[in-house]
Amino acid sequence: MRNNKNRILSFRVQSAVRIDELLRSELPRALGSPVSNSKIRRLVVAGAVCVDGRQVRVPSFSVRKGGSVSVSVDEEQLFFEKKPDDIAFELSPSDVLFEDDSVIVVNKPSMFPTEAGMVGSRDNLHDAVVRFLFAREKARNPNMRNPPYVGIMHRLDRETSGAILFTKTRAANSPCHDMFENHTARKTYRAVSTDCGCCFPLSEFPFSFAVSFPMGRISPKSQAAKWGKVSTGGVDSLTEFTVLGRIDAGGKKAYAVECRPLTGRTHQIRVHLASVGLPILGDELYGGDDSGRIMLHAASLSFPHPVTGDDVVVSAPLPPSFGVFEGAMN
């Protein structure tokens, strides 16, 4: 959930003005730092700006005198300029796990962000889905000019792979938002965890347990965002886990783990596993050993279809690096 780390800025309009012009003058004062025109535009287009309580995505939108403007700003993301080692990726038909007129579920690769964020030149899965659908439709209709609509309903961390859903119509947005907000959409992940002092006696498998505590940010804003258990101001979090068996992870004591988050907090699975001494392999932020990537994969997604209400279950095949699951020892 992104709300936990966002700062809400509010402005009252003294005279009619375009929303981008208002933000150009007000944001630098509120944040104490210059904000480029391109970042202001991306804030608006990304849906971070509301006028009189209604979301506005058009930078040229004119706000009337006396209007109320609010902006949701993640300062860490807004001022982040480092270009990470994202992979180059183009969606192909084999990456599509489910599709109909309302939604499309695709298999996200690791090392590729779900969305662009504030770095406009950074490629991302959302744009890759738009390119894929646009190219396919243009092949059928050469006169097509405008790219298709694709809505983001939930996110996976850059290094996490697996099943992720996008909407193809605005009419599907509300029911899809509700199913993720109310957790009628259920996600199942696979993780490889290393034993760093596990607090459970893992000798017989499968072994199930749950982790629940209030979560909040525990790192300063000047450092990489890190989340954990907090005593005040946190948000409830709950994940169910099943340790499927031991696996060989380069001679280290490791386990194949099934993860079922029942809430949707930032880094939730990573934080919960680390809290019981089972950090995910590759998750150095939370105590895991280096592995080239965080060994976390969204293996399945089940949800009520936004139009028909029928149950839909989609599975994403494990990447080759997760072949260790096949050798899990019970």
C-alpha atoms as a PDB file:
ATOM      1  CA  MET A   1       0.000   0.000   0.000  1.00  0.00           C
ATOM      2  CA  ARG A   2       1.517   3.264  -1.074  1.00  0.00           C
ATOM      3  CA  ASN A   3      -0.484   5.569   1.207  1.00  0.00           C
ATOM      4  CA  ASN A   4       1.754   4.788   4.183  1.00  0.00           C
ATOM      5  CA  LYS A   5       4.713   6.706   2.745  1.00  0.00           C
ATOM      6  CA  ASN A   6       2.918   9.476   0.845  1.00  0.00           C
ATOM      7  CA  ARG A   7       2.688  13.070   2.008  1.00  0.00           C
ATOM      8  CA  ILE A   8      -0.598  14.868   1.266  1.00  0.00           C
ATOM      9  CA  LEU A   9      -0.205  18.545   0.316  1.00  0.00           C
ATOM     10  CA  SER A  10      -3.258  20.816   0.128  1.00  0.00           C
ATOM     11  CA  PHE A  11      -3.708  24.189  -1.597  1.00  0.00           C
ATOM     12  CA  ARG A  12      -6.577  26.675  -1.878  1.00  0.00           C
ATOM     13  CA  VAL A  13      -6.771  28.431  -5.260  1.00  0.00           C
ATOM     14  CA  GLN A  14      -6.898  32.239  -5.078  1.00  0.00           C
ATOM     15  CA  SER A  15      -7.727  32.765  -8.757  1.00  0.00           C
ATOM     16  CA  ALA A  16      -8.513  30.507 -11.727  1.00  0.00           C
ATOM     17  CA  VAL A  17      -5.372  28.717 -12.895  1.00  0.00           C
ATOM     18  CA  ARG A  18      -4.221  25.625 -14.770  1.00  0.00           C
ATOM     19  CA  ILE A  19      -3.385  22.759 -12.419  1.00  0.00           C
ATOM     20  CA  ASP A  20       0.174  22.361 -13.749  1.00  0.00           C
ATOM     21  CA  GLU A  21       0.858  26.081 -13.335  1.00  0.00           C
ATOM     22  CA  LEU A  22      -0.448  25.998  -9.761  1.00  0.00           C
ATOM     23  CA  LEU A  23       1.789  23.054  -8.887  1.00  0.00           C
ATOM     24  CA  ARG A  24       4.755  24.686 -10.606  1.00  0.00           C
ATOM     25  CA  SER A  25       4.545  27.556  -8.150  1.00  0.00           C
ATOM     26  CA  GLU A  26       3.326  25.762  -5.004  1.00  0.00           C
ATOM     27  CA  LEU A  27       5.142  22.418  -4.943  1.00  0.00           C
ATOM     28  CA  PRO A  28       8.721  23.782  -4.691  1.00  0.00           C
ATOM     29  CA  ARG A  29       7.682  25.949  -1.733  1.00  0.00           C
ATOM     30  CA  ALA A  30       5.890  23.089   0.003  1.00  0.00           C
ATOM     31  CA  LEU A  31       8.689  20.578  -0.549  1.00  0.00           C
ATOM     32  CA  GLY A  32      11.625  22.954  -0.156  1.00  0.00           C
ATOM     33  CA  SER A  33      13.175  21.754  -3.398  1.00  0.00           C
ATOM     34  CA  PRO A  34      12.778  22.488  -7.139  1.00  0.00           C
ATOM     35  CA  VAL A  35      10.407  20.218  -9.054  1.00  0.00           C
ATOM     36  CA  SER A  36      10.788  19.932 -12.823  1.00  0.00           C
ATOM     37  CA  ASN A  37       7.885  20.538 -15.210  1.00  0.00           C
ATOM     38  CA  SER A  38       8.107  16.939 -16.439  1.00  0.00           C
ATOM     39  CA  LYS A  39       7.744  15.577 -12.901  1.00  0.00           C
ATOM     40  CA  ILE A  40       4.769  17.840 -12.241  1.00  0.00           C
ATOM     41  CA  ARG A  41       3.131  16.576 -15.402  1.00  0.00           C
ATOM     42  CA  ARG A  42       3.791  12.953 -14.429  1.00  0.00           C
ATOM     43  CA  LEU A  43       2.302  13.546 -10.974  1.00  0.00           C
ATOM     44  CA  VAL A  44      -0.928  14.748 -12.594  1.00  0.00           C
ATOM     45  CA  VAL A  45      -1.083  12.002 -15.225  1.00  0.00           C
ATOM     46  CA  ALA A  46      -0.347   9.359 -12.554  1.00  0.00           C
ATOM     47  CA  GLY A  47      -3.497  10.389 -10.674  1.00  0.00           C
ATOM     48  CA  ALA A  48      -1.784  11.937  -7.644  1.00  0.00           C
ATOM     49  CA  VAL A  49      -3.778  15.198  -7.872  1.00  0.00           C
ATOM     50  CA  CYS A  50      -7.369  15.843  -6.778  1.00  0.00           C
ATOM     51  CA  VAL A  51      -9.424  18.991  -7.324  1.00  0.00           C
ATOM     52  CA  ASP A  52     -12.388  19.458  -4.991  1.00  0.00           C
ATOM     53  CA  GLY A  53     -12.086  15.794  -4.037  1.00  0.00           C
ATOM     54  CA  ARG A  54     -12.082  14.464  -7.621  1.00  0.00           C
ATOM     55  CA  GLN A  55      -9.031  12.977  -9.310  1.00  0.00           C
ATOM     56  CA  VAL A  56      -7.638  15.020 -12.216  1.00  0.00           C
ATOM     57  CA  ARG A  57      -5.236  13.533 -14.773  1.00  0.00           C
ATOM     58  CA  VAL A  58      -5.064  16.417 -17.304  1.00  0.00           C
ATOM     59  CA  PRO A  59      -2.189  18.897 -16.681  1.00  0.00           C
ATOM     60  CA  SER A  60      -4.058  21.713 -18.474  1.00  0.00           C
ATOM     61  CA  PHE A  61      -7.166  21.299 -16.285  1.00  0.00           C
ATOM     62  CA  SER A  62      -8.418  24.713 -15.128  1.00  0.00           C
ATOM     63  CA  VAL A  63      -9.151  25.089 -11.411  1.00  0.00           C
ATOM     64  CA  ARG A  64     -11.746  27.699 -10.464  1.00  0.00           C
ATOM     65  CA  LYS A  65     -11.173  30.401  -7.863  1.00  0.00           C
ATOM     66  CA  GLY A  66     -11.652  28.991  -4.367  1.00  0.00           C
ATOM     67  CA  GLY A  67     -11.056  25.437  -5.528  1.00  0.00           C
ATOM     68  CA  SER A  68      -9.334  22.935  -3.236  1.00  0.00           C
ATOM     69  CA  VAL A  69      -6.336  20.991  -4.585  1.00  0.00           C
ATOM     70  CA  SER A  70      -4.621  18.058  -2.883  1.00  0.00           C
ATOM     71  CA  VAL A  71      -1.482  16.269  -4.069  1.00  0.00           C
ATOM     72  CA  SER A  72      -0.234  12.876  -2.850  1.00  0.00           C
ATOM     73  CA  VAL A  73       3.579  12.962  -3.018  1.00  0.00           C
ATOM     74  CA  ASP A  74       6.080  10.209  -2.312  1.00  0.00           C
ATOM     75  CA  GLU A  75       9.151  12.444  -1.905  1.00  0.00           C
ATOM     76  CA  GLU A  76      11.601   9.560  -2.072  1.00  0.00           C
ATOM     77  CA  GLN A  77      10.235   8.502  -5.452  1.00  0.00           C
ATOM     78  CA  LEU A  78       9.731  12.054  -6.715  1.00  0.00           C
ATOM     79  CA  PHE A  79      13.377  13.014  -6.239  1.00  0.00           C
ATOM     80  CA  PHE A  80      14.882   9.646  -7.175  1.00  0.00           C
ATOM     81  CA  GLU A  81      17.022   9.912 -10.312  1.00  0.00           C
ATOM     82  CA  LYS A  82      19.241   6.824 -10.194  1.00  0.00           C
ATOM     83  CA  LYS A  83      18.666   4.516 -13.166  1.00  0.00           C
ATOM     84  CA  PRO A  84      18.617   0.917 -11.908  1.00  0.00           C
ATOM     85  CA  ASP A  85      19.700  -2.132 -13.875  1.00  0.00           C
ATOM     86  CA  ASP A  86      16.257  -2.913 -15.264  1.00  0.00           C
ATOM     87  CA  ILE A  87      16.074  -5.579 -17.942  1.00  0.00           C
ATOM     88  CA  ALA A  88      14.816  -4.884 -21.468  1.00  0.00           C
ATOM     89  CA  PHE A  89      11.424  -6.542 -21.880  1.00  0.00           C
ATOM     90  CA  GLU A  90       8.686  -6.756 -24.485  1.00  0.00           C
ATOM     91  CA  LEU A  91       5.482  -8.620 -23.710  1.00  0.00           C
ATOM     92  CA  SER A  92       4.729 -11.590 -25.957  1.00  0.00           C
ATOM     93  CA  PRO A  93       1.637 -13.823 -26.258  1.00  0.00           C
ATOM     94  CA  SER A  94       3.349 -16.469 -24.132  1.00  0.00           C
ATOM     95  CA  ASP A  95       3.510 -13.974 -21.234  1.00  0.00           C
ATOM     96  CA  VAL A  96      -0.284 -13.510 -21.203  1.00  0.00           C
ATOM     97  CA  LEU A  97      -1.803 -15.778 -18.549  1.00  0.00           C
ATOM     98  CA  PHE A  98      -5.441 -14.687 -18.942  1.00  0.00           C
ATOM     99  CA  GLU A  99      -7.246 -12.137 -21.077  1.00  0.00           C
ATOM    100  CA  ASP A 100     -10.750 -11.114 -22.045  1.00  0.00           C
ATOM    101  CA  ASP A 101     -12.467  -7.836 -22.901  1.00  0.00           C
ATOM    102  CA  SER A 102     -12.194  -6.524 -19.319  1.00  0.00           C
ATOM    103  CA  VAL A 103      -8.838  -7.612 -17.874  1.00  0.00           C
ATOM    104  CA  ILE A 104      -5.455  -8.994 -18.785  1.00  0.00           C
ATOM    105  CA  VAL A 105      -3.189 -10.959 -16.433  1.00  0.00           C
ATOM    106  CA  VAL A 106       0.463 -11.242 -17.415  1.00  0.00           C
ATOM    107  CA  ASN A 107       3.590 -12.949 -16.102  1.00  0.00           C
ATOM    108  CA  LYS A 108       5.898 -10.161 -14.901  1.00  0.00           C
ATOM    109  CA  PRO A 109       9.649 -10.801 -15.141  1.00  0.00           C
ATOM    110  CA  SER A 110      12.042  -9.983 -12.326  1.00  0.00           C
ATOM    111  CA  MET A 111      14.162  -6.796 -12.517  1.00  0.00           C
ATOM    112  CA  PHE A 112      11.424  -4.851 -14.316  1.00  0.00           C
ATOM    113  CA  PRO A 113       9.225  -2.224 -12.587  1.00  0.00           C
ATOM    114  CA  THR A 114       5.452  -2.390 -12.666  1.00  0.00           C
ATOM    115  CA  GLU A 115       5.095   1.325 -13.471  1.00  0.00           C
ATOM    116  CA  ALA A 116       7.275   4.251 -14.455  1.00  0.00           C
ATOM    117  CA  GLY A 117       7.118   6.265 -11.239  1.00  0.00           C
ATOM    118  CA  MET A 118       8.722   9.687 -11.490  1.00  0.00           C
ATOM    119  CA  VAL A 119      11.571   8.682 -13.822  1.00  0.00           C
ATOM    120  CA  GLY A 120       9.815   9.176 -17.135  1.00  0.00           C
ATOM    121  CA  SER A 121      12.388   7.457 -19.339  1.00  0.00           C
ATOM    122  CA  ARG A 122      12.256   4.240 -17.286  1.00  0.00           C
ATOM    123  CA  ASP A 123      10.524   1.414 -19.128  1.00  0.00           C
ATOM    124  CA  ASN A 124       7.959  -0.559 -17.174  1.00  0.00           C
ATOM    125  CA  LEU A 125       5.398  -3.356 -17.380  1.00  0.00           C
ATOM    126  CA  HIS A 126       2.387  -1.070 -17.722  1.00  0.00           C
ATOM    127  CA  ASP A 127       3.895   0.540 -20.814  1.00  0.00           C
ATOM    128  CA  ALA A 128       4.869  -2.899 -22.157  1.00  0.00           C
ATOM    129  CA  VAL A 129       1.245  -4.076 -21.856  1.00  0.00           C
ATOM    130  CA  VAL A 130       0.019  -0.935 -23.662  1.00  0.00           C
ATOM    131  CA  ARG A 131       2.570  -1.504 -26.455  1.00  0.00           C
ATOM    132  CA  PHE A 132       1.562  -5.160 -26.786  1.00  0.00           C
ATOM    133  CA  LEU A 133      -2.177  -4.447 -27.017  1.00  0.00           C
ATOM    134  CA  PHE A 134      -1.659  -1.460 -29.324  1.00  0.00           C
ATOM    135  CA  ALA A 135       0.526  -3.430 -31.760  1.00  0.00           C
ATOM    136  CA  ARG A 136      -1.943  -6.302 -31.829  1.00  0.00           C
ATOM    137  CA  GLU A 137      -4.953  -4.058 -32.449  1.00  0.00           C
ATOM    138  CA  LYS A 138      -3.107  -1.969 -35.028  1.00  0.00           C
ATOM    139  CA  ALA A 139      -2.294  -5.130 -36.963  1.00  0.00           C
ATOM    140  CA  ARG A 140      -6.042  -5.765 -37.149  1.00  0.00           C
ATOM    141  CA  ASN A 141      -6.974  -2.129 -37.737  1.00  0.00           C
ATOM    142  CA  PRO A 142      -4.163  -0.118 -39.429  1.00  0.00           C
ATOM    143  CA  ASN A 143      -6.176   3.103 -39.008  1.00  0.00           C
ATOM    144  CA  MET A 144      -6.018   2.879 -35.217  1.00  0.00           C
ATOM    145  CA  ARG A 145      -4.236   5.951 -33.796  1.00  0.00           C
ATOM    146  CA  ASN A 146      -4.708   6.013 -30.028  1.00  0.00           C
ATOM    147  CA  PRO A 147      -3.156   3.420 -27.706  1.00  0.00           C
ATOM    148  CA  PRO A 148      -5.616   1.323 -25.686  1.00  0.00           C
ATOM    149  CA  TYR A 149      -6.540   2.017 -22.074  1.00  0.00           C
ATOM    150  CA  VAL A 150      -4.704  -0.071 -19.475  1.00  0.00           C
ATOM    151  CA  GLY A 151      -5.377   0.450 -15.751  1.00  0.00           C
ATOM    152  CA  ILE A 152      -3.018  -0.469 -12.889  1.00  0.00           C
ATOM    153  CA  MET A 153      -4.840  -2.245 -10.054  1.00  0.00           C
ATOM    154  CA  HIS A 154      -1.986  -3.611  -7.920  1.00  0.00           C
ATOM    155  CA  ARG A 155       1.791  -3.787  -8.026  1.00  0.00           C
ATOM    156  CA  LEU A 156       4.703  -6.170  -7.652  1.00  0.00           C
ATOM    157  CA  ASP A 157       8.139  -5.040  -6.468  1.00  0.00           C
ATOM    158  CA  ARG A 158      10.700  -4.636  -9.252  1.00  0.00           C
ATOM    159  CA  GLU A 159      12.545  -7.859  -8.392  1.00  0.00           C
ATOM    160  CA  THR A 160       9.375  -9.899  -7.781  1.00  0.00           C
ATOM    161  CA  SER A 161       8.098 -11.932 -10.723  1.00  0.00           C
ATOM    162  CA  GLY A 162       4.744 -13.524 -11.462  1.00  0.00           C
ATOM    163  CA  ALA A 163       1.039 -12.911 -12.029  1.00  0.00           C
ATOM    164  CA  ILE A 164      -0.230  -9.327 -12.145  1.00  0.00           C
ATOM    165  CA  LEU A 165      -3.581  -7.990 -13.369  1.00  0.00           C
ATOM    166  CA  PHE A 166      -4.363  -4.879 -15.430  1.00  0.00           C
ATOM    167  CA  THR A 167      -7.791  -3.626 -16.496  1.00  0.00           C
ATOM    168  CA  LYS A 168      -8.632  -2.988 -20.153  1.00  0.00           C
ATOM    169  CA  THR A 169     -11.706  -0.816 -19.567  1.00  0.00           C
ATOM    170  CA  ARG A 170     -12.463   1.941 -17.091  1.00  0.00           C
ATOM    171  CA  ALA A 171     -15.712   0.177 -16.212  1.00  0.00           C
ATOM    172  CA  ALA A 172     -13.647  -2.687 -14.738  1.00  0.00           C
ATOM    173  CA  ASN A 173     -11.648  -0.378 -12.469  1.00  0.00           C
ATOM    174  CA  SER A 174     -14.108  -0.030  -9.608  1.00  0.00           C
ATOM    175  CA  PRO A 175     -14.893  -3.749  -9.103  1.00  0.00           C
ATOM    176  CA  CYS A 176     -11.207  -4.628  -9.505  1.00  0.00           C
ATOM    177  CA  HIS A 177     -10.179  -1.960  -7.017  1.00  0.00           C
ATOM    178  CA  ASP A 178     -12.749  -3.321  -4.569  1.00  0.00           C
ATOM    179  CA  MET A 179     -11.568  -6.913  -4.883  1.00  0.00           C
ATOM    180  CA  PHE A 180      -7.978  -5.957  -4.078  1.00  0.00           C
ATOM    181  CA  GLU A 181      -9.027  -3.555  -1.324  1.00  0.00           C
ATOM    182  CA  ASN A 182     -11.346  -6.133   0.272  1.00  0.00           C
ATOM    183  CA  HIS A 183      -8.990  -9.066  -0.429  1.00  0.00           C
ATOM    184  CA  THR A 184     -11.495 -11.113  -2.393  1.00  0.00           C
ATOM    185  CA  ALA A 185      -8.636 -11.278  -4.887  1.00  0.00           C
ATOM    186  CA  ARG A 186      -6.240 -13.803  -3.354  1.00  0.00           C
ATOM    187  CA  LYS A 187      -2.539 -14.071  -4.123  1.00  0.00           C
ATOM    188  CA  THR A 188      -0.208 -16.997  -3.522  1.00  0.00           C
ATOM    189  CA  TYR A 189       3.557 -16.526  -3.695  1.00  0.00           C
ATOM    190  CA  ARG A 190       6.566 -18.841  -3.695  1.00  0.00           C
ATOM    191  CA  ALA A 191       9.718 -17.818  -1.865  1.00  0.00           C
ATOM    192  CA  VAL A 192      13.138 -19.299  -1.162  1.00  0.00           C
ATOM    193  CA  SER A 193      14.112 -18.440   2.417  1.00  0.00           C
ATOM    194  CA  THR A 194      17.449 -18.951   4.141  1.00  0.00           C
ATOM    195  CA  ASP A 195      17.641 -19.919   7.800  1.00  0.00           C
ATOM    196  CA  CYS A 196      19.113 -17.063   9.824  1.00  0.00           C
ATOM    197  CA  GLY A 197      17.987 -18.309  13.205  1.00  0.00           C
ATOM    198  CA  CYS A 198      14.440 -19.430  12.454  1.00  0.00           C
ATOM    199  CA  CYS A 199      12.240 -19.318  15.555  1.00  0.00           C
ATOM    200  CA  PHE A 200      10.317 -22.466  14.499  1.00  0.00           C
ATOM    201  CA  PRO A 201      11.518 -26.084  14.863  1.00  0.00           C
ATOM    202  CA  LEU A 202      11.461 -26.939  11.156  1.00  0.00           C
ATOM    203  CA  SER A 203      11.858 -30.706  11.072  1.00  0.00           C
ATOM    204  CA  GLU A 204       8.600 -31.984   9.591  1.00  0.00           C
ATOM    205  CA  PHE A 205       6.920 -30.635   6.448  1.00  0.00           C
ATOM    206  CA  PRO A 206       4.629 -29.090   5.435  1.00  0.00           C
ATOM    207  CA  PHE A 207       4.781 -26.695   8.394  1.00  0.00           C
ATOM    208  CA  SER A 208       2.278 -23.808   8.568  1.00  0.00           C
ATOM    209  CA  PHE A 209       2.325 -20.603  10.593  1.00  0.00           C
ATOM    210  CA  ALA A 210       1.092 -17.007  10.386  1.00  0.00           C
ATOM    211  CA  VAL A 211       2.720 -13.649  11.094  1.00  0.00           C
ATOM    212  CA  SER A 212       0.704 -10.609  12.149  1.00  0.00           C
ATOM    213  CA  PHE A 213       1.768  -7.232  13.533  1.00  0.00           C
ATOM    214  CA  PRO A 214       1.405  -3.494  12.830  1.00  0.00           C
ATOM    215  CA  MET A 215       3.795  -2.358  10.090  1.00  0.00           C
ATOM    216  CA  GLY A 216       5.298   1.030   9.363  1.00  0.00           C
ATOM    217  CA  ARG A 217       8.376   2.617   7.886  1.00  0.00           C
ATOM    218  CA  ILE A 218      11.436   2.145  10.126  1.00  0.00           C
ATOM    219  CA  SER A 219      14.130   3.856   8.002  1.00  0.00           C
ATOM    220  CA  PRO A 220      14.834   7.592   7.640  1.00  0.00           C
ATOM    221  CA  LYS A 221      13.574   9.219   4.434  1.00  0.00           C
ATOM    222  CA  SER A 222      17.195   9.846   3.422  1.00  0.00           C
ATOM    223  CA  GLN A 223      17.788   6.084   3.201  1.00  0.00           C
ATOM    224  CA  ALA A 224      16.265   3.209   1.236  1.00  0.00           C
ATOM    225  CA  ALA A 225      12.664   2.600   2.336  1.00  0.00           C
ATOM    226  CA  LYS A 226      12.608  -0.174   4.925  1.00  0.00           C
ATOM    227  CA  TRP A 227       9.502  -1.408   6.726  1.00  0.00           C
ATOM    228  CA  GLY A 228       8.991  -3.364   9.910  1.00  0.00           C
ATOM    229  CA  LYS A 229       7.085  -3.864  13.140  1.00  0.00           C
ATOM    230  CA  VAL A 230       6.233  -0.614  14.908  1.00  0.00           C
ATOM    231  CA  SER A 231       4.643   0.113  18.274  1.00  0.00           C
ATOM    232  CA  THR A 232       2.716   3.221  17.192  1.00  0.00           C
ATOM    233  CA  GLY A 233       1.277   4.502  13.925  1.00  0.00           C
ATOM    234  CA  GLY A 234       1.496   1.182  12.109  1.00  0.00           C
ATOM    235  CA  VAL A 235      -1.026  -0.594   9.887  1.00  0.00           C
ATOM    236  CA  ASP A 236      -2.182  -4.155  10.602  1.00  0.00           C
ATOM    237  CA  SER A 237      -0.588  -6.866   8.460  1.00  0.00           C
ATOM    238  CA  LEU A 238      -1.200 -10.617   8.187  1.00  0.00           C
ATOM    239  CA  THR A 239       0.401 -13.361   6.099  1.00  0.00           C
ATOM    240  CA  GLU A 240      -0.094 -17.132   6.225  1.00  0.00           C
ATOM    241  CA  PHE A 241       2.917 -19.303   5.382  1.00  0.00           C
ATOM    242  CA  THR A 242       3.541 -22.976   4.650  1.00  0.00           C
ATOM    243  CA  VAL A 243       7.111 -24.256   4.619  1.00  0.00           C
ATOM    244  CA  LEU A 244       7.004 -26.961   1.945  1.00  0.00           C
ATOM    245  CA  GLY A 245      10.402 -28.505   2.571  1.00  0.00           C
ATOM    246  CA  ARG A 246      14.178 -28.073   2.652  1.00  0.00           C
ATOM    247  CA  ILE A 247      16.034 -27.189  -0.532  1.00  0.00           C
ATOM    248  CA  ASP A 248      19.642 -26.937  -1.673  1.00  0.00           C
ATOM    249  CA  ALA A 249      20.608 -23.274  -2.034  1.00  0.00           C
ATOM    250  CA  GLY A 250      24.324 -23.431  -2.704  1.00  0.00           C
ATOM    251  CA  GLY A 251      25.084 -25.371   0.457  1.00  0.00           C
ATOM    252  CA  LYS A 252      23.071 -23.039   2.667  1.00  0.00           C
ATOM    253  CA  LYS A 253      20.178 -24.166   4.850  1.00  0.00           C
ATOM    254  CA  ALA A 254      17.126 -22.989   2.947  1.00  0.00           C
ATOM    255  CA  TYR A 255      13.439 -23.710   2.538  1.00  0.00           C
ATOM    256  CA  ALA A 256      10.726 -23.576  -0.108  1.00  0.00           C
ATOM    257  CA  VAL A 257       7.895 -21.430   1.283  1.00  0.00           C
ATOM    258  CA  GLU A 258       4.334 -20.773   0.121  1.00  0.00           C
ATOM    259  CA  CYS A 259       3.096 -17.307   1.132  1.00  0.00           C
ATOM    260  CA  ARG A 260      -0.507 -16.126   1.282  1.00  0.00           C
ATOM    261  CA  PRO A 261      -0.813 -12.416   2.181  1.00  0.00           C
ATOM    262  CA  LEU A 262      -4.190 -11.472   3.654  1.00  0.00           C
ATOM    263  CA  THR A 263      -3.360  -7.755   3.724  1.00  0.00           C
ATOM    264  CA  GLY A 264      -1.390  -5.693   1.213  1.00  0.00           C
ATOM    265  CA  ARG A 265       1.369  -3.736   2.957  1.00  0.00           C
ATOM    266  CA  THR A 266       4.620  -2.557   1.387  1.00  0.00           C
ATOM    267  CA  HIS A 267       7.253  -5.356   1.515  1.00  0.00           C
ATOM    268  CA  GLN A 268       4.837  -7.375   3.672  1.00  0.00           C
ATOM    269  CA  ILE A 269       6.001 -10.903   2.802  1.00  0.00           C
ATOM    270  CA  ARG A 270       9.653  -9.879   2.957  1.00  0.00           C
ATOM    271  CA  VAL A 271       9.251  -8.231   6.375  1.00  0.00           C
ATOM    272  CA  HIS A 272       7.191 -11.078   7.837  1.00  0.00           C
ATOM    273  CA  LEU A 273       9.614 -13.830   6.782  1.00  0.00           C
ATOM    274  CA  ALA A 274      12.617 -11.858   8.017  1.00  0.00           C
ATOM    275  CA  SER A 275      10.873 -11.324  11.376  1.00  0.00           C
ATOM    276  CA  VAL A 276      10.874 -15.101  12.062  1.00  0.00           C
ATOM    277  CA  GLY A 277      14.461 -15.663  10.922  1.00  0.00           C
ATOM    278  CA  LEU A 278      13.641 -16.753   7.353  1.00  0.00           C
ATOM    279  CA  PRO A 279      14.673 -13.812   5.138  1.00  0.00           C
ATOM    280  CA  ILE A 280      14.132 -14.314   1.424  1.00  0.00           C
ATOM    281  CA  LEU A 281      17.232 -15.287  -0.537  1.00  0.00           C
ATOM    282  CA  GLY A 282      18.497 -12.202  -2.381  1.00  0.00           C
ATOM    283  CA  ASP A 283      16.657  -9.774  -0.097  1.00  0.00           C
ATOM    284  CA  GLU A 284      19.704  -8.065   1.389  1.00  0.00           C
ATOM    285  CA  LEU A 285      17.600  -5.169   2.736  1.00  0.00           C
ATOM    286  CA  TYR A 286      15.991  -7.573   5.210  1.00  0.00           C
ATOM    287  CA  GLY A 287      18.967  -9.827   5.962  1.00  0.00           C
ATOM    288  CA  GLY A 288      18.907 -12.264   3.043  1.00  0.00           C
ATOM    289  CA  ASP A 289      22.043 -13.460   1.258  1.00  0.00           C
ATOM    290  CA  ASP A 290      22.965 -12.053  -2.150  1.00  0.00           C
ATOM    291  CA  SER A 291      21.393 -14.037  -4.987  1.00  0.00           C
ATOM    292  CA  GLY A 292      21.137 -11.750  -8.014  1.00  0.00           C
ATOM    293  CA  ARG A 293      17.429 -11.221  -7.390  1.00  0.00           C
ATOM    294  CA  ILE A 294      14.914 -11.483  -4.574  1.00  0.00           C
ATOM    295  CA  MET A 295      13.574 -15.035  -4.742  1.00  0.00           C
ATOM    296  CA  LEU A 296       9.886 -14.149  -4.540  1.00  0.00           C
ATOM    297  CA  HIS A 297       7.359 -15.112  -7.225  1.00  0.00           C
ATOM    298  CA  ALA A 298       3.610 -14.417  -7.475  1.00  0.00           C
ATOM    299  CA  ALA A 299       2.634 -17.959  -8.417  1.00  0.00           C
ATOM    300  CA  SER A 300      -1.139 -17.588  -8.598  1.00  0.00           C
ATOM    301  CA  LEU A 301      -3.942 -15.054  -8.522  1.00  0.00           C
ATOM    302  CA  SER A 302      -7.614 -15.878  -7.959  1.00  0.00           C
ATOM    303  CA  PHE A 303     -10.359 -13.289  -8.227  1.00  0.00           C
ATOM    304  CA  PRO A 304     -14.056 -12.792  -8.966  1.00  0.00           C
ATOM    305  CA  HIS A 305     -14.397 -11.573 -12.543  1.00  0.00           C
ATOM    306  CA  PRO A 306     -15.298  -7.844 -12.502  1.00  0.00           C
ATOM    307  CA  VAL A 307     -18.171  -8.316 -14.968  1.00  0.00           C
ATOM    308  CA  THR A 308     -19.490 -11.877 -14.601  1.00  0.00           C
ATOM    309  CA  GLY A 309     -18.533 -12.519 -10.968  1.00  0.00           C
ATOM    310  CA  ASP A 310     -17.228 -15.963 -11.962  1.00  0.00           C
ATOM    311  CA  ASP A 311     -14.177 -17.231 -10.082  1.00  0.00           C
ATOM    312  CA  VAL A 312     -10.989 -16.913 -12.127  1.00  0.00           C
ATOM    313  CA  VAL A 313      -7.773 -18.699 -11.123  1.00  0.00           C
ATOM    314  CA  VAL A 314      -4.540 -17.860 -12.944  1.00  0.00           C
ATOM    315  CA  SER A 315      -1.142 -19.485 -12.412  1.00  0.00           C
ATOM    316  CA  ALA A 316       2.274 -18.139 -13.395  1.00  0.00           C
ATOM    317  CA  PRO A 317       4.965 -20.770 -14.058  1.00  0.00           C
ATOM    318  CA  LEU A 318       8.008 -20.613 -11.818  1.00  0.00           C
ATOM    319  CA  PRO A 319      11.085 -18.985 -13.394  1.00  0.00           C
ATOM    320  CA  PRO A 320      14.074 -21.280 -14.056  1.00  0.00           C
ATOM    321  CA  SER A 321      15.824 -19.897 -10.967  1.00  0.00           C
ATOM    322  CA  PHE A 322      13.049 -21.441  -8.864  1.00  0.00           C
ATOM    323  CA  GLY A 323      13.835 -24.961 -10.062  1.00  0.00           C
ATOM    324  CA  VAL A 324      14.985 -25.617  -6.513  1.00  0.00           C
ATOM    325  CA  PHE A 325      11.310 -26.033  -5.592  1.00  0.00           C
ATOM    326  CA  GLU A 326      11.179 -29.248  -7.581  1.00  0.00           C
ATOM    327  CA  GLY A 327      13.835 -30.694  -5.319  1.00  0.00           C
ATOM    328  CA  ALA A 328      12.237 -29.670  -2.023  1.00  0.00           C
ATOM    329  CA  MET A 329      12.694 -32.464   0.502  1.00  0.00           C
ATOM    330  CA  ASN A 330       9.717 -33.315   2.720  1.00  0.00           C
END
